Amino acid sequence: MTDEQTTTAAFLVAELRRARMRRGWSKDPTGPVLTVDPASWLAFVVASSR
């Protein structure tokens, strides 16, 4: 991945973590678990934008 892609992937992962905190999922052990591979997520975003 290029530096720009790495930065974008890191930003998206951070946004997902913030969304989990806003919804309270990170505090609830029975809540949904969201595991995202940054490279896979970035590939999805790039493919979706075409």
PDB file of N, CA and C in Angstrom:
ATOM      1  N   MET A   1       0.840  -1.186   0.000  1.00  0.00           N
ATOM      2  CA  MET A   1       0.000   0.000   0.000  1.00  0.00           C
ATOM      3  C   MET A   1       0.880   1.242   0.000  1.00  0.00           C
ATOM      4  N   THR A   2       0.379   2.262  -0.625  1.00  0.00           N
ATOM      5  CA  THR A   2       1.100   3.532  -0.613  1.00  0.00           C
ATOM      6  C   THR A   2       0.864   4.228   0.724  1.00  0.00           C
ATOM      7  N   ASP A   3       1.645   5.267   0.976  1.00  0.00           N
ATOM      8  CA  ASP A   3       1.477   6.022   2.226  1.00  0.00           C
ATOM      9  C   ASP A   3       0.078   6.613   2.319  1.00  0.00           C
ATOM     10  N   GLU A   4      -0.440   7.100   1.196  1.00  0.00           N
ATOM     11  CA  GLU A   4      -1.778   7.695   1.194  1.00  0.00           C
ATOM     12  C   GLU A   4      -2.835   6.642   1.530  1.00  0.00           C
ATOM     13  N   GLN A   5      -2.692   5.446   0.982  1.00  0.00           N
ATOM     14  CA  GLN A   5      -3.645   4.376   1.270  1.00  0.00           C
ATOM     15  C   GLN A   5      -3.562   3.954   2.729  1.00  0.00           C
ATOM     16  N   THR A   6      -2.360   3.894   3.263  1.00  0.00           N
ATOM     17  CA  THR A   6      -2.178   3.525   4.662  1.00  0.00           C
ATOM     18  C   THR A   6      -2.830   4.564   5.563  1.00  0.00           C
ATOM     19  N   THR A   7      -2.642   5.828   5.244  1.00  0.00           N
ATOM     20  CA  THR A   7      -3.244   6.905   6.028  1.00  0.00           C
ATOM     21  C   THR A   7      -4.764   6.824   5.961  1.00  0.00           C
ATOM     22  N   THR A   8      -5.298   6.579   4.771  1.00  0.00           N
ATOM     23  CA  THR A   8      -6.744   6.467   4.601  1.00  0.00           C
ATOM     24  C   THR A   8      -7.291   5.288   5.389  1.00  0.00           C
ATOM     25  N   ALA A   9      -6.610   4.161   5.316  1.00  0.00           N
ATOM     26  CA  ALA A   9      -7.054   2.973   6.049  1.00  0.00           C
ATOM     27  C   ALA A   9      -7.029   3.225   7.555  1.00  0.00           C
ATOM     28  N   ALA A  10      -5.988   3.862   8.039  1.00  0.00           N
ATOM     29  CA  ALA A  10      -5.887   4.165   9.471  1.00  0.00           C
ATOM     30  C   ALA A  10      -7.010   5.106   9.900  1.00  0.00           C
ATOM     31  N   PHE A  11      -7.330   6.084   9.061  1.00  0.00           N
ATOM     32  CA  PHE A  11      -8.418   7.011   9.361  1.00  0.00           C
ATOM     33  C   PHE A  11      -9.751   6.268   9.443  1.00  0.00           C
ATOM     34  N   LEU A  12      -9.997   5.376   8.488  1.00  0.00           N
ATOM     35  CA  LEU A  12     -11.257   4.636   8.481  1.00  0.00           C
ATOM     36  C   LEU A  12     -11.386   3.731   9.704  1.00  0.00           C
ATOM     37  N   VAL A  13     -10.304   3.091  10.090  1.00  0.00           N
ATOM     38  CA  VAL A  13     -10.333   2.240  11.279  1.00  0.00           C
ATOM     39  C   VAL A  13     -10.619   3.084  12.516  1.00  0.00           C
ATOM     40  N   ALA A  14     -10.003   4.249  12.608  1.00  0.00           N
ATOM     41  CA  ALA A  14     -10.253   5.145  13.745  1.00  0.00           C
ATOM     42  C   ALA A  14     -11.711   5.596  13.764  1.00  0.00           C
ATOM     43  N   GLU A  15     -12.274   5.883  12.593  1.00  0.00           N
ATOM     44  CA  GLU A  15     -13.683   6.283  12.519  1.00  0.00           C
ATOM     45  C   GLU A  15     -14.596   5.147  12.973  1.00  0.00           C
ATOM     46  N   LEU A  16     -14.277   3.932  12.580  1.00  0.00           N
ATOM     47  CA  LEU A  16     -15.078   2.790  13.016  1.00  0.00           C
ATOM     48  C   LEU A  16     -15.014   2.622  14.528  1.00  0.00           C
ATOM     49  N   ARG A  17     -13.841   2.831  15.108  1.00  0.00           N
ATOM     50  CA  ARG A  17     -13.706   2.737  16.567  1.00  0.00           C
ATOM     51  C   ARG A  17     -14.528   3.821  17.255  1.00  0.00           C
ATOM     52  N   ARG A  18     -14.493   5.041  16.708  1.00  0.00           N
ATOM     53  CA  ARG A  18     -15.288   6.126  17.295  1.00  0.00           C
ATOM     54  C   ARG A  18     -16.779   5.817  17.196  1.00  0.00           C
ATOM     55  N   ALA A  19     -17.196   5.248  16.073  1.00  0.00           N
ATOM     56  CA  ALA A  19     -18.606   4.888  15.909  1.00  0.00           C
ATOM     57  C   ALA A  19     -19.019   3.833  16.937  1.00  0.00           C
ATOM     58  N   ARG A  20     -18.141   2.871  17.182  1.00  0.00           N
ATOM     59  CA  ARG A  20     -18.427   1.852  18.200  1.00  0.00           C
ATOM     60  C   ARG A  20     -18.598   2.496  19.566  1.00  0.00           C
ATOM     61  N   MET A  21     -17.751   3.447  19.890  1.00  0.00           N
ATOM     62  CA  MET A  21     -17.839   4.107  21.197  1.00  0.00           C
ATOM     63  C   MET A  21     -19.124   4.922  21.301  1.00  0.00           C
ATOM     64  N   ARG A  22     -19.494   5.619  20.209  1.00  0.00           N
ATOM     65  CA  ARG A  22     -20.728   6.411  20.225  1.00  0.00           C
ATOM     66  C   ARG A  22     -21.943   5.520  20.462  1.00  0.00           C
ATOM     67  N   ARG A  23     -21.925   4.331  19.869  1.00  0.00           N
ATOM     68  CA  ARG A  23     -23.051   3.409  20.023  1.00  0.00           C
ATOM     69  C   ARG A  23     -22.975   2.625  21.329  1.00  0.00           C
ATOM     70  N   GLY A  24     -21.856   2.727  22.016  1.00  0.00           N
ATOM     71  CA  GLY A  24     -21.701   2.020  23.273  1.00  0.00           C
ATOM     72  C   GLY A  24     -21.295   0.566  23.111  1.00  0.00           C
ATOM     73  N   TRP A  25     -20.968   0.152  21.905  1.00  0.00           N
ATOM     74  CA  TRP A  25     -20.604  -1.245  21.672  1.00  0.00           C
ATOM     75  C   TRP A  25     -19.321  -1.618  22.389  1.00  0.00           C
ATOM     76  N   SER A  26     -18.403  -0.676  22.510  1.00  0.00           N
ATOM     77  CA  SER A  26     -17.116  -1.010  23.115  1.00  0.00           C
ATOM     78  C   SER A  26     -17.253  -1.281  24.616  1.00  0.00           C
ATOM     79  N   LYS A  27     -18.360  -0.837  25.220  1.00  0.00           N
ATOM     80  CA  LYS A  27     -18.568  -1.030  26.650  1.00  0.00           C
ATOM     81  C   LYS A  27     -19.375  -2.292  26.942  1.00  0.00           C
ATOM     82  N   ASP A  28     -20.033  -2.834  25.937  1.00  0.00           N
ATOM     83  CA  ASP A  28     -20.910  -3.982  26.118  1.00  0.00           C
ATOM     84  C   ASP A  28     -20.244  -5.243  25.577  1.00  0.00           C
ATOM     85  N   PRO A  29     -19.822  -6.156  26.466  1.00  0.00           N
ATOM     86  CA  PRO A  29     -19.122  -7.354  25.981  1.00  0.00           C
ATOM     87  C   PRO A  29     -19.999  -8.250  25.118  1.00  0.00           C
ATOM     88  N   THR A  30     -21.333  -8.091  25.210  1.00  0.00           N
ATOM     89  CA  THR A  30     -22.228  -8.908  24.389  1.00  0.00           C
ATOM     90  C   THR A  30     -22.596  -8.209  23.088  1.00  0.00           C
ATOM     91  N   GLY A  31     -22.138  -6.979  22.926  1.00  0.00           N
ATOM     92  CA  GLY A  31     -22.454  -6.217  21.721  1.00  0.00           C
ATOM     93  C   GLY A  31     -21.723  -6.755  20.503  1.00  0.00           C
ATOM     94  N   PRO A  32     -22.121  -6.273  19.340  1.00  0.00           N
ATOM     95  CA  PRO A  32     -21.480  -6.726  18.103  1.00  0.00           C
ATOM     96  C   PRO A  32     -19.981  -6.435  18.105  1.00  0.00           C
ATOM     97  N   VAL A  33     -19.232  -7.346  17.565  1.00  0.00           N
ATOM     98  CA  VAL A  33     -17.788  -7.163  17.456  1.00  0.00           C
ATOM     99  C   VAL A  33     -17.480  -6.813  16.015  1.00  0.00           C
ATOM    100  N   LEU A  34     -16.802  -5.724  15.825  1.00  0.00           N
ATOM    101  CA  LEU A  34     -16.470  -5.265  14.483  1.00  0.00           C
ATOM    102  C   LEU A  34     -14.966  -5.355  14.311  1.00  0.00           C
ATOM    103  N   THR A  35     -14.531  -6.283  13.501  1.00  0.00           N
ATOM    104  CA  THR A  35     -13.115  -6.439  13.224  1.00  0.00           C
ATOM    105  C   THR A  35     -12.903  -6.148  11.749  1.00  0.00           C
ATOM    106  N   VAL A  36     -12.063  -5.189  11.470  1.00  0.00           N
ATOM    107  CA  VAL A  36     -11.848  -4.770  10.091  1.00  0.00           C
ATOM    108  C   VAL A  36     -10.365  -4.835   9.768  1.00  0.00           C
ATOM    109  N   ASP A  37     -10.063  -5.499   8.681  1.00  0.00           N
ATOM    110  CA  ASP A  37      -8.701  -5.507   8.162  1.00  0.00           C
ATOM    111  C   ASP A  37      -8.562  -4.240   7.318  1.00  0.00           C
ATOM    112  N   PRO A  38      -7.672  -3.324   7.680  1.00  0.00           N
ATOM    113  CA  PRO A  38      -7.566  -2.056   6.946  1.00  0.00           C
ATOM    114  C   PRO A  38      -7.371  -2.229   5.443  1.00  0.00           C
ATOM    115  N   ALA A  39      -6.592  -3.204   5.029  1.00  0.00           N
ATOM    116  CA  ALA A  39      -6.352  -3.399   3.598  1.00  0.00           C
ATOM    117  C   ALA A  39      -7.635  -3.830   2.887  1.00  0.00           C
ATOM    118  N   SER A  40      -8.407  -4.705   3.511  1.00  0.00           N
ATOM    119  CA  SER A  40      -9.663  -5.155   2.906  1.00  0.00           C
ATOM    120  C   SER A  40     -10.662  -4.007   2.833  1.00  0.00           C
ATOM    121  N   TRP A  41     -10.742  -3.230   3.903  1.00  0.00           N
ATOM    122  CA  TRP A  41     -11.672  -2.104   3.926  1.00  0.00           C
ATOM    123  C   TRP A  41     -11.291  -1.085   2.859  1.00  0.00           C
ATOM    124  N   LEU A  42     -10.011  -0.812   2.741  1.00  0.00           N
ATOM    125  CA  LEU A  42      -9.550   0.144   1.742  1.00  0.00           C
ATOM    126  C   LEU A  42      -9.855  -0.365   0.340  1.00  0.00           C
ATOM    127  N   ALA A  43      -9.656  -1.648   0.096  1.00  0.00           N
ATOM    128  CA  ALA A  43      -9.968  -2.217  -1.215  1.00  0.00           C
ATOM    129  C   ALA A  43     -11.449  -2.051  -1.522  1.00  0.00           C
ATOM    130  N   PHE A  44     -12.303  -2.242  -0.519  1.00  0.00           N
ATOM    131  CA  PHE A  44     -13.736  -2.057  -0.701  1.00  0.00           C
ATOM    132  C   PHE A  44     -14.064  -0.601  -1.037  1.00  0.00           C
ATOM    133  N   VAL A  45     -13.463   0.326  -0.301  1.00  0.00           N
ATOM    134  CA  VAL A  45     -13.721   1.751  -0.527  1.00  0.00           C
ATOM    135  C   VAL A  45     -13.262   2.165  -1.920  1.00  0.00           C
ATOM    136  N   VAL A  46     -12.083   1.722  -2.318  1.00  0.00           N
ATOM    137  CA  VAL A  46     -11.555   2.072  -3.640  1.00  0.00           C
ATOM    138  C   VAL A  46     -12.448   1.490  -4.726  1.00  0.00           C
ATOM    139  N   ALA A  47     -12.853   0.236  -4.585  1.00  0.00           N
ATOM    140  CA  ALA A  47     -13.710  -0.401  -5.587  1.00  0.00           C
ATOM    141  C   ALA A  47     -15.070   0.286  -5.648  1.00  0.00           C
ATOM    142  N   SER A  48     -15.583   0.719  -4.502  1.00  0.00           N
ATOM    143  CA  SER A  48     -16.888   1.379  -4.464  1.00  0.00           C
ATOM    144  C   SER A  48     -16.863   2.759  -5.102  1.00  0.00           C
ATOM    145  N   SER A  49     -15.709   3.385  -5.099  1.00  0.00           N
ATOM    146  CA  SER A  49     -15.625   4.754  -5.617  1.00  0.00           C
ATOM    147  C   SER A  49     -15.442   4.799  -7.129  1.00  0.00           C
ATOM    148  N   ARG A  50     -15.282   3.651  -7.745  1.00  0.00           N
ATOM    149  CA  ARG A  50     -15.074   3.619  -9.207  1.00  0.00           C
ATOM    150  C   ARG A  50     -16.364   3.612  -9.956  1.00  0.00           C
TER     151      ARG A  50
END
